[in-house]
C-alpha atoms as a PDB file:
ATOM      1  CA  MET A   1     325.583 120.207-106.164  1.00  0.00           C
ATOM      2  CA  ASN A   2     326.281 119.998-102.442  1.00  0.00           C
ATOM      3  CA  LEU A   3     323.947 121.976-100.190  1.00  0.00           C
ATOM      4  CA  ILE A   4     326.847 122.716 -97.843  1.00  0.00           C
ATOM      5  CA  ASN A   5     328.602 124.618-100.640  1.00  0.00           C
ATOM      6  CA  VAL A   6     325.650 126.851-101.565  1.00  0.00           C
ATOM      7  CA  LEU A   7     324.587 128.017 -98.114  1.00  0.00           C
ATOM      8  CA  ARG A   8     325.836 131.620 -98.098  1.00  0.00           C
ATOM      9  CA  HIS A   9     326.706 132.575 -94.524  1.00  0.00           C
ATOM     10  CA  GLU A  10     326.233 136.267 -95.296  1.00  0.00           C
ATOM     11  CA  CYS A  11     322.625 135.387 -96.156  1.00  0.00           C
ATOM     12  CA  VAL A  12     321.726 134.031 -92.716  1.00  0.00           C
ATOM     13  CA  ARG A  13     319.847 136.115 -90.145  1.00  0.00           C
ATOM     14  CA  ALA A  14     318.575 135.035 -86.727  1.00  0.00           C
ATOM     15  CA  SER A  15     315.779 136.428 -84.558  1.00  0.00           C
ATOM     16  CA  SER A  16     313.962 138.575 -87.116  1.00  0.00           C
ATOM     17  CA  ASP A  17     310.752 140.331 -86.032  1.00  0.00           C
ATOM     18  CA  CYS A  18     308.955 140.141 -89.414  1.00  0.00           C
ATOM     19  CA  ALA A  19     305.203 139.748 -88.954  1.00  0.00           C
ATOM     20  CA  SER A  20     303.760 139.333 -92.469  1.00  0.00           C
ATOM     21  CA  ARG A  21     304.560 137.542 -95.712  1.00  0.00           C
ATOM     22  CA  ASN A  22     305.455 140.795 -97.445  1.00  0.00           C
ATOM     23  CA  GLU A  23     307.883 141.689 -94.674  1.00  0.00           C
ATOM     24  CA  VAL A  24     309.476 138.238 -94.784  1.00  0.00           C
ATOM     25  CA  LEU A  25     309.950 138.292 -98.552  1.00  0.00           C
ATOM     26  CA  ALA A  26     311.455 141.796 -98.402  1.00  0.00           C
ATOM     27  CA  ALA A  27     313.848 140.660 -95.664  1.00  0.00           C
ATOM     28  CA  ILE A  28     314.829 137.587 -97.712  1.00  0.00           C
ATOM     29  CA  ALA A  29     315.467 139.682-100.835  1.00  0.00           C
ATOM     30  CA  ALA A  30     317.698 142.012 -98.790  1.00  0.00           C
ATOM     31  CA  LEU A  31     319.549 139.043 -97.289  1.00  0.00           C
ATOM     32  CA  ALA A  32     320.043 137.364-100.678  1.00  0.00           C
ATOM     33  CA  LYS A  33     321.416 140.584-102.153  1.00  0.00           C
ATOM     34  CA  LYS A  34     324.300 140.422 -99.656  1.00  0.00           C
ATOM     35  CA  SER A  35     325.789 137.521-101.598  1.00  0.00           C
ATOM     36  CA  ALA A  36     328.425 138.407-104.171  1.00  0.00           C
ATOM     37  CA  VAL A  37     326.839 135.761-106.408  1.00  0.00           C
ATOM     38  CA  LEU A  38     323.892 138.147-106.887  1.00  0.00           C
ATOM     39  CA  SER A  39     325.896 141.333-107.348  1.00  0.00           C
ATOM     40  CA  ASN A  40     324.425 141.782-110.825  1.00  0.00           C
ATOM     41  CA  MET A  41     320.822 141.471-109.588  1.00  0.00           C
ATOM     42  CA  GLU A  42     318.635 144.243-108.247  1.00  0.00           C
ATOM     43  CA  GLU A  43     317.023 143.631-104.862  1.00  0.00           C
ATOM     44  CA  SER A  44     313.675 144.537-106.421  1.00  0.00           C
ATOM     45  CA  ALA A  45     314.107 141.761-109.013  1.00  0.00           C
ATOM     46  CA  LEU A  46     314.780 139.238-106.253  1.00  0.00           C
ATOM     47  CA  LEU A  47     311.673 140.360-104.363  1.00  0.00           C
ATOM     48  CA  LYS A  48     309.580 140.194-107.533  1.00  0.00           C
ATOM     49  CA  GLY A  49     310.747 136.651-108.275  1.00  0.00           C
ATOM     50  CA  LEU A  50     310.041 135.426-104.753  1.00  0.00           C
ATOM     51  CA  SER A  51     306.628 137.133-104.662  1.00  0.00           C
ATOM     52  CA  GLU A  52     305.564 135.696-108.023  1.00  0.00           C
ATOM     53  CA  ARG A  53     306.509 132.206-106.848  1.00  0.00           C
ATOM     54  CA  GLU A  54     304.394 132.613-103.702  1.00  0.00           C
ATOM     55  CA  GLU A  55     301.420 133.695-105.815  1.00  0.00           C
ATOM     56  CA  LEU A  56     301.529 130.322-107.598  1.00  0.00           C
ATOM     57  CA  SER A  57     301.256 128.428-104.294  1.00  0.00           C
ATOM     58  CA  THR A  58     302.588 128.914-100.816  1.00  0.00           C
ATOM     59  CA  THR A  59     306.028 127.557 -99.959  1.00  0.00           C
ATOM     60  CA  GLY A  60     304.971 127.392 -96.308  1.00  0.00           C
ATOM     61  CA  PHE A  61     304.312 123.677 -95.986  1.00  0.00           C
ATOM     62  CA  GLY A  62     303.328 123.632 -92.306  1.00  0.00           C
ATOM     63  CA  ASP A  63     304.836 123.003 -88.887  1.00  0.00           C
ATOM     64  CA  GLY A  64     306.329 126.497 -88.816  1.00  0.00           C
ATOM     65  CA  ILE A  65     308.530 125.957 -91.890  1.00  0.00           C
ATOM     66  CA  ALA A  66     308.766 127.553 -95.334  1.00  0.00           C
ATOM     67  CA  ILE A  67     311.199 127.262 -98.240  1.00  0.00           C
ATOM     68  CA  PRO A  68     310.698 130.385-100.404  1.00  0.00           C
ATOM     69  CA  HIS A  69     312.446 129.977-103.736  1.00  0.00           C
ATOM     70  CA  CYS A  70     312.589 131.251-107.285  1.00  0.00           C
ATOM     71  CA  ARG A  71     314.544 130.812-110.514  1.00  0.00           C
ATOM     72  CA  LEU A  72     315.770 133.936-112.268  1.00  0.00           C
ATOM     73  CA  ASP A  73     317.509 134.802-115.512  1.00  0.00           C
ATOM     74  CA  GLY A  74     320.923 136.307-114.913  1.00  0.00           C
ATOM     75  CA  VAL A  75     321.643 134.290-111.767  1.00  0.00           C
ATOM     76  CA  GLU A  76     324.882 132.323-112.244  1.00  0.00           C
ATOM     77  CA  ASP A  77     324.874 130.106-109.163  1.00  0.00           C
ATOM     78  CA  PHE A  78     322.655 129.007-106.297  1.00  0.00           C
ATOM     79  CA  VAL A  79     322.195 131.148-103.200  1.00  0.00           C
ATOM     80  CA  VAL A  80     320.716 129.488-100.130  1.00  0.00           C
ATOM     81  CA  GLY A  81     320.051 131.474 -96.967  1.00  0.00           C
ATOM     82  CA  ILE A  82     318.143 131.220 -93.691  1.00  0.00           C
ATOM     83  CA  LEU A  83     315.857 133.593 -91.789  1.00  0.00           C
ATOM     84  CA  SER A  84     314.459 132.746 -88.358  1.00  0.00           C
ATOM     85  CA  VAL A  85     311.409 134.480 -86.902  1.00  0.00           C
ATOM     86  CA  PRO A  86     310.955 133.106 -83.368  1.00  0.00           C
ATOM     87  CA  GLY A  87     307.686 134.993 -82.877  1.00  0.00           C
ATOM     88  CA  GLY A  88     306.236 133.588 -86.093  1.00  0.00           C
ATOM     89  CA  ALA A  89     305.115 135.400 -89.236  1.00  0.00           C
ATOM     90  CA  GLU A  90     301.862 135.078 -91.125  1.00  0.00           C
ATOM     91  CA  PHE A  91     302.829 133.388 -94.407  1.00  0.00           C
ATOM     92  CA  ALA A  92     299.667 131.695 -95.701  1.00  0.00           C
ATOM     93  CA  ALA A  93     301.148 128.311 -94.781  1.00  0.00           C
ATOM     94  CA  MET A  94     299.259 125.158 -95.687  1.00  0.00           C
ATOM     95  CA  ASP A  95     298.293 124.488 -92.072  1.00  0.00           C
ATOM     96  CA  GLY A  96     297.356 128.119 -91.438  1.00  0.00           C
ATOM     97  CA  GLN A  97     299.960 128.468 -88.686  1.00  0.00           C
ATOM     98  CA  PRO A  98     302.645 131.163 -88.416  1.00  0.00           C
ATOM     99  CA  VAL A  99     306.057 130.317 -89.873  1.00  0.00           C
ATOM    100  CA  LYS A 100     309.182 130.568 -87.727  1.00  0.00           C
ATOM    101  CA  LEU A 101     311.921 129.258 -89.994  1.00  0.00           C
ATOM    102  CA  PHE A 102     312.566 130.199 -93.616  1.00  0.00           C
ATOM    103  CA  VAL A 103     315.259 128.541 -95.728  1.00  0.00           C
ATOM    104  CA  PHE A 104     315.304 130.270 -99.113  1.00  0.00           C
ATOM    105  CA  ILE A 105     316.794 129.535-102.528  1.00  0.00           C
ATOM    106  CA  ILE A 106     317.637 131.910-105.369  1.00  0.00           C
ATOM    107  CA  ALA A 107     318.457 129.729-108.382  1.00  0.00           C
ATOM    108  CA  PRO A 108     319.564 130.029-112.017  1.00  0.00           C
ATOM    109  CA  SER A 109     316.629 129.722-114.389  1.00  0.00           C
ATOM    110  CA  SER A 110     318.254 126.888-116.343  1.00  0.00           C
ATOM    111  CA  SER A 111     319.089 124.527-113.465  1.00  0.00           C
ATOM    112  CA  SER A 112     315.752 122.967-112.560  1.00  0.00           C
ATOM    113  CA  ASN A 113     317.160 119.497-111.811  1.00  0.00           C
ATOM    114  CA  VAL A 114     319.730 120.848-109.353  1.00  0.00           C
ATOM    115  CA  HIS A 115     317.079 123.146-107.883  1.00  0.00           C
ATOM    116  CA  ILE A 116     314.879 120.134-107.120  1.00  0.00           C
ATOM    117  CA  LYS A 117     317.778 118.293-105.472  1.00  0.00           C
ATOM    118  CA  ILE A 118     318.537 121.265-103.240  1.00  0.00           C
ATOM    119  CA  LEU A 119     314.862 121.606-102.299  1.00  0.00           C
ATOM    120  CA  SER A 120     314.811 117.920-101.395  1.00  0.00           C
ATOM    121  CA  ALA A 121     317.982 118.183 -99.306  1.00  0.00           C
ATOM    122  CA  ILE A 122     316.595 121.153 -97.364  1.00  0.00           C
ATOM    123  CA  SER A 123     313.293 119.331 -96.806  1.00  0.00           C
ATOM    124  CA  GLN A 124     315.160 116.389 -95.284  1.00  0.00           C
ATOM    125  CA  VAL A 125     316.862 118.659 -92.770  1.00  0.00           C
ATOM    126  CA  LEU A 126     313.610 120.421 -91.844  1.00  0.00           C
ATOM    127  CA  ASN A 127     311.646 117.188 -91.601  1.00  0.00           C
ATOM    128  CA  VAL A 128     312.892 116.650 -88.030  1.00  0.00           C
ATOM    129  CA  PRO A 129     311.040 118.910 -85.528  1.00  0.00           C
ATOM    130  CA  GLU A 130     313.991 118.902 -83.133  1.00  0.00           C
ATOM    131  CA  HIS A 131     316.240 120.304 -85.868  1.00  0.00           C
ATOM    132  CA  VAL A 132     313.790 123.111 -86.564  1.00  0.00           C
ATOM    133  CA  ALA A 133     313.352 124.001 -82.891  1.00  0.00           C
ATOM    134  CA  GLU A 134     317.117 124.143 -82.468  1.00  0.00           C
ATOM    135  CA  MET A 135     317.495 126.508 -85.408  1.00  0.00           C
ATOM    136  CA  VAL A 136     314.625 128.788 -84.347  1.00  0.00           C
ATOM    137  CA  ALA A 137     316.204 129.102 -80.905  1.00  0.00           C
ATOM    138  CA  ALA A 138     319.644 130.048 -82.276  1.00  0.00           C
ATOM    139  CA  PRO A 139     320.530 133.546 -80.940  1.00  0.00           C
ATOM    140  CA  THR A 140     322.965 134.502 -83.721  1.00  0.00           C
ATOM    141  CA  ALA A 141     323.370 134.003 -87.455  1.00  0.00           C
ATOM    142  CA  GLU A 142     326.577 132.025 -86.877  1.00  0.00           C
ATOM    143  CA  ILE A 143     324.886 129.551 -84.551  1.00  0.00           C
ATOM    144  CA  LEU A 144     321.846 129.312 -86.851  1.00  0.00           C
ATOM    145  CA  ALA A 145     324.042 128.397 -89.823  1.00  0.00           C
ATOM    146  CA  GLU A 146     326.026 125.937 -87.718  1.00  0.00           C
ATOM    147  CA  ASN A 147     322.846 124.252 -86.470  1.00  0.00           C
ATOM    148  CA  PHE A 148     321.560 123.905 -90.022  1.00  0.00           C
ATOM    149  CA  LEU A 149     324.780 122.553 -91.496  1.00  0.00           C
ATOM    150  CA  ARG A 150     325.185 120.001 -88.718  1.00  0.00           C
ATOM    151  CA  HIS A 151     322.117 118.197 -90.013  1.00  0.00           C
ATOM    152  CA  VAL A 152     322.894 118.398 -93.719  1.00  0.00           C
ATOM    153  CA  ARG A 153     323.763 115.055 -95.220  1.00  0.00           C
ATOM    154  CA  ASP A 154     326.944 115.613 -97.150  1.00  0.00           C
ATOM    155  CA  GLU A 155     326.471 114.216-100.636  1.00  0.00           C
ATOM    156  CA  ALA A 156     328.939 111.602-101.759  1.00  0.00           C
ATOM    157  CA  ASP A 157     331.258 112.818-104.483  1.00  0.00           C
ATOM    158  CA  PRO A 158     331.405 110.041-107.091  1.00  0.00           C
ATOM    159  CA  LYS A 159     334.486 111.602-108.692  1.00  0.00           C
ATOM    160  CA  GLN A 160     336.458 110.572-105.619  1.00  0.00           C
ATOM    161  CA  HIS A 161     335.096 107.023-105.600  1.00  0.00           C
ATOM    162  CA  ASP A 162     334.909 105.955-109.249  1.00  0.00           C
ATOM    163  CA  ASN A 163     338.422 104.601-109.729  1.00  0.00           C
ATOM    164  CA  LYS A 164     337.491 100.914-109.553  1.00  0.00           C
ATOM    165  CA  THR A 165     336.083  98.269-111.871  1.00  0.00           C
ATOM    166  CA  LEU A 166     334.096  95.253-110.750  1.00  0.00           C
ATOM    167  CA  PHE A 167     335.073  91.830-112.057  1.00  0.00           C
ATOM    168  CA  ARG A 168     332.576  88.977-111.832  1.00  0.00           C
ATOM    169  CA  VAL A 169     333.952  85.596-112.839  1.00  0.00           C
ATOM    170  CA  GLN A 170     331.749  82.483-112.839  1.00  0.00           C
ATOM    171  CA  ILE A 171     333.880  79.363-113.114  1.00  0.00           C
ATOM    172  CA  GLN A 172     332.955  75.680-113.481  1.00  0.00           C
ATOM    173  CA  ASP A 173     336.518  74.315-113.555  1.00  0.00           C
ATOM    174  CA  GLU A 174     338.181  73.876-110.163  1.00  0.00           C
ATOM    175  CA  GLU A 175     341.769  74.086-111.367  1.00  0.00           C
ATOM    176  CA  LEU A 176     341.021  77.203-113.396  1.00  0.00           C
ATOM    177  CA  PHE A 177     339.269  78.715-110.381  1.00  0.00           C
ATOM    178  CA  HIS A 178     342.451  78.527-108.308  1.00  0.00           C
ATOM    179  CA  ASP A 179     344.513  80.045-111.124  1.00  0.00           C
ATOM    180  CA  VAL A 180     342.152  83.000-111.563  1.00  0.00           C
ATOM    181  CA  LEU A 181     341.932  83.575-107.822  1.00  0.00           C
ATOM    182  CA  LYS A 182     345.741  83.879-107.682  1.00  0.00           C
ATOM    183  CA  ILE A 183     345.614  86.547-110.412  1.00  0.00           C
ATOM    184  CA  PHE A 184     343.326  88.815-108.365  1.00  0.00           C
ATOM    185  CA  SER A 185     345.365  88.210-105.212  1.00  0.00           C
ATOM    186  CA  GLY A 186     348.406  89.536-107.046  1.00  0.00           C
ATOM    187  CA  PHE A 187     347.078  93.110-107.161  1.00  0.00           C
ATOM    188  CA  ASN A 188     347.663  95.086-103.960  1.00  0.00           C
ATOM    189  CA  SER A 189     344.539  97.268-104.193  1.00  0.00           C
ATOM    190  CA  THR A 190     342.106  94.480-105.072  1.00  0.00           C
ATOM    191  CA  THR A 191     339.307  93.237-102.813  1.00  0.00           C
ATOM    192  CA  VAL A 192     338.185  89.689-103.624  1.00  0.00           C
ATOM    193  CA  MET A 193     335.222  87.621-102.434  1.00  0.00           C
ATOM    194  CA  VAL A 194     334.162  84.082-103.449  1.00  0.00           C
ATOM    195  CA  SER A 195     330.656  82.641-103.346  1.00  0.00           C
ATOM    196  CA  GLU A 196     329.060  79.336-104.271  1.00  0.00           C
ATOM    197  CA  SER A 197     326.897  79.136-107.367  1.00  0.00           C
ATOM    198  CA  GLU A 198     324.961  76.605-109.395  1.00  0.00           C
ATOM    199  CA  PRO A 199     323.742  76.626-113.009  1.00  0.00           C
ATOM    200  CA  ALA A 200     320.020  77.068-113.556  1.00  0.00           C
ATOM    201  CA  ALA A 201     320.034  73.860-115.644  1.00  0.00           C
ATOM    202  CA  ASN A 202     320.495  71.830-112.462  1.00  0.00           C
ATOM    203  CA  TYR A 203     317.077  73.071-111.346  1.00  0.00           C
ATOM    204  CA  ILE A 204     315.254  73.351-114.650  1.00  0.00           C
ATOM    205  CA  GLN A 205     315.949  69.729-115.645  1.00  0.00           C
ATOM    206  CA  LYS A 206     314.092  68.609-112.512  1.00  0.00           C
ATOM    207  CA  MET A 207     310.921  70.310-113.689  1.00  0.00           C
ATOM    208  CA  PRO A 208     308.597  67.843-115.512  1.00  0.00           C
ATOM    209  CA  LEU A 209     308.070  70.140-118.468  1.00  0.00           C
ATOM    210  CA  PHE A 210     311.790  70.291-119.211  1.00  0.00           C
ATOM    211  CA  ALA A 211     312.769  66.720-118.298  1.00  0.00           C
ATOM    212  CA  GLY A 212     315.117  65.226-120.874  1.00  0.00           C
ATOM    213  CA  PHE A 213     316.506  68.499-122.223  1.00  0.00           C
ATOM    214  CA  TRP A 214     319.754  68.082-120.315  1.00  0.00           C
ATOM    215  CA  SER A 215     321.239  64.597-120.490  1.00  0.00           C
ATOM    216  CA  ASP A 216     324.638  65.516-119.025  1.00  0.00           C
ATOM    217  CA  LYS A 217     325.203  65.079-115.324  1.00  0.00           C
ATOM    218  CA  ASN A 218     324.824  68.077-113.066  1.00  0.00           C
ATOM    219  CA  THR A 219     327.728  70.476-112.887  1.00  0.00           C
ATOM    220  CA  GLU A 220     329.147  69.880-109.446  1.00  0.00           C
ATOM    221  CA  PHE A 221     331.702  72.712-109.305  1.00  0.00           C
ATOM    222  CA  CYS A 222     330.616  76.313-109.802  1.00  0.00           C
ATOM    223  CA  LYS A 223     331.968  79.344-107.979  1.00  0.00           C
ATOM    224  CA  VAL A 224     331.751  83.091-108.424  1.00  0.00           C
ATOM    225  CA  ILE A 225     334.643  85.472-107.850  1.00  0.00           C
ATOM    226  CA  LEU A 226     333.756  89.122-107.214  1.00  0.00           C
ATOM    227  CA  ALA A 227     336.717  91.487-107.253  1.00  0.00           C
ATOM    228  CA  THR A 228     337.201  95.251-107.293  1.00  0.00           C
ATOM    229  CA  VAL A 229     340.241  96.276-109.283  1.00  0.00           C
ATOM    230  CA  ASP A 230     341.832  99.671-109.922  1.00  0.00           C
ATOM    231  CA  LYS A 231     340.728 100.958-113.322  1.00  0.00           C
ATOM    232  CA  LYS A 232     344.352 101.270-114.405  1.00  0.00           C
ATOM    233  CA  ASP A 233     344.762  97.495-113.891  1.00  0.00           C
ATOM    234  CA  THR A 234     341.606  96.447-115.760  1.00  0.00           C
ATOM    235  CA  ASN A 235     343.173  95.527-119.102  1.00  0.00           C
ATOM    236  CA  GLU A 236     346.134  93.823-117.441  1.00  0.00           C
ATOM    237  CA  THR A 237     343.771  91.710-115.316  1.00  0.00           C
ATOM    238  CA  ILE A 238     341.847  90.555-118.385  1.00  0.00           C
ATOM    239  CA  ARG A 239     345.123  89.783-120.182  1.00  0.00           C
ATOM    240  CA  ARG A 240     346.381  87.647-117.284  1.00  0.00           C
ATOM    241  CA  ILE A 241     343.109  85.722-117.103  1.00  0.00           C
ATOM    242  CA  GLU A 242     343.245  84.940-120.815  1.00  0.00           C
ATOM    243  CA  GLN A 243     346.829  83.752-120.415  1.00  0.00           C
ATOM    244  CA  HIS A 244     345.373  80.871-118.400  1.00  0.00           C
ATOM    245  CA  THR A 245     342.106  80.370-120.241  1.00  0.00           C
ATOM    246  CA  GLY A 246     343.017  81.141-123.823  1.00  0.00           C
ATOM    247  CA  SER A 247     340.296  83.004-125.680  1.00  0.00           C
ATOM    248  CA  LEU A 248     337.341  83.402-123.344  1.00  0.00           C
ATOM    249  CA  ASP A 249     335.019  83.313-126.344  1.00  0.00           C
ATOM    250  CA  GLU A 250     336.004  79.689-126.907  1.00  0.00           C
ATOM    251  CA  ARG A 251     335.326  78.505-123.330  1.00  0.00           C
ATOM    252  CA  ASP A 252     332.071  77.159-121.930  1.00  0.00           C
ATOM    253  CA  ASP A 253     333.213  76.786-118.311  1.00  0.00           C
ATOM    254  CA  ILE A 254     333.975  80.418-117.433  1.00  0.00           C
ATOM    255  CA  LEU A 255     332.071  83.669-117.820  1.00  0.00           C
ATOM    256  CA  LEU A 256     333.766  87.019-117.217  1.00  0.00           C
ATOM    257  CA  THR A 257     331.942  90.344-116.902  1.00  0.00           C
ATOM    258  CA  VAL A 258     333.555  93.686-116.093  1.00  0.00           C
ATOM    259  CA  GLN A 259     331.693  96.838-114.995  1.00  0.00           C
ATOM    260  CA  GLU A 260     332.807 100.392-114.349  1.00  0.00           C
ATOM    261  CA  LEU A 261     331.715 101.460-110.878  1.00  0.00           C
ATOM    262  CA  PHE A 262     329.987 104.781-110.311  1.00  0.00           C
ATOM    263  CA  TYR A 263     330.826 104.639-106.604  1.00  0.00           C
ATOM    264  CA  CYS A 264     333.096 102.339-104.617  1.00  0.00           C
ATOM    265  CA  ALA A 265     334.230 103.035-101.044  1.00  0.00           C
ATOM    266  CA  GLY A 266     335.479 100.943 -98.154  1.00  0.00           C
ATOM    267  CA  SER A 267     337.286  97.611 -98.137  1.00  0.00           C
ATOM    268  CA  LEU A 268     337.009  94.084 -96.756  1.00  0.00           C
ATOM    269  CA  ASN A 269     339.443  91.867 -94.899  1.00  0.00           C
ATOM    270  CA  ILE A 270     340.225  88.780 -96.952  1.00  0.00           C
END
């Protein structure tokens, strides 16, 4: 889940004058309740959840920062909000110093993995003192939210970048190499690279322990073709290769592997 999508702008407040942990948690519960996502939750339940989490251990991890959070039954989606307290509030932080910036999370009880990812993403933003100082100094909620979001690393969406397959072809026949290379060049959306390679046998047979295992001369030609191909063209690419090679299972001078790519972006000039 993308942190940018779960920051609720109605749950951002700048320049609060809260002085104690109880006041901060009450202010956060009131802010969180403004989100339509939590329309079915009582403000008192939100405060109770946040307070119980703080009793386990403080979420104020020092340097004027805290990330209060809790997981609650009945919550359908994540609510992330921000509260700045330029004067600092006593929050039992790990370093004993007042806290000036609170980024809070109200989470569904069943989404612990996503909860951890959101906590991590927030921590990365707050790990830079300049970012924190900029947010604490923001005079309005709109500027505070803007300052926070500017430093959020937008997560890559694999669903938009998983439409490719990776072909790796290791070839020890020069004529066949040229034929296969032409096949990949025939697809408009394919990126192809070629690298030199050499069988391990050429090295192993030089080791005294294995001397004599390979009596044939070294394989002099060996190249690797790496190509990204649109998923829709995967079967057709394999078919065209086997038109030249015959059954790949009956060859000992070519090895083809094909992998689905979780993420593929960018291109190369060839």
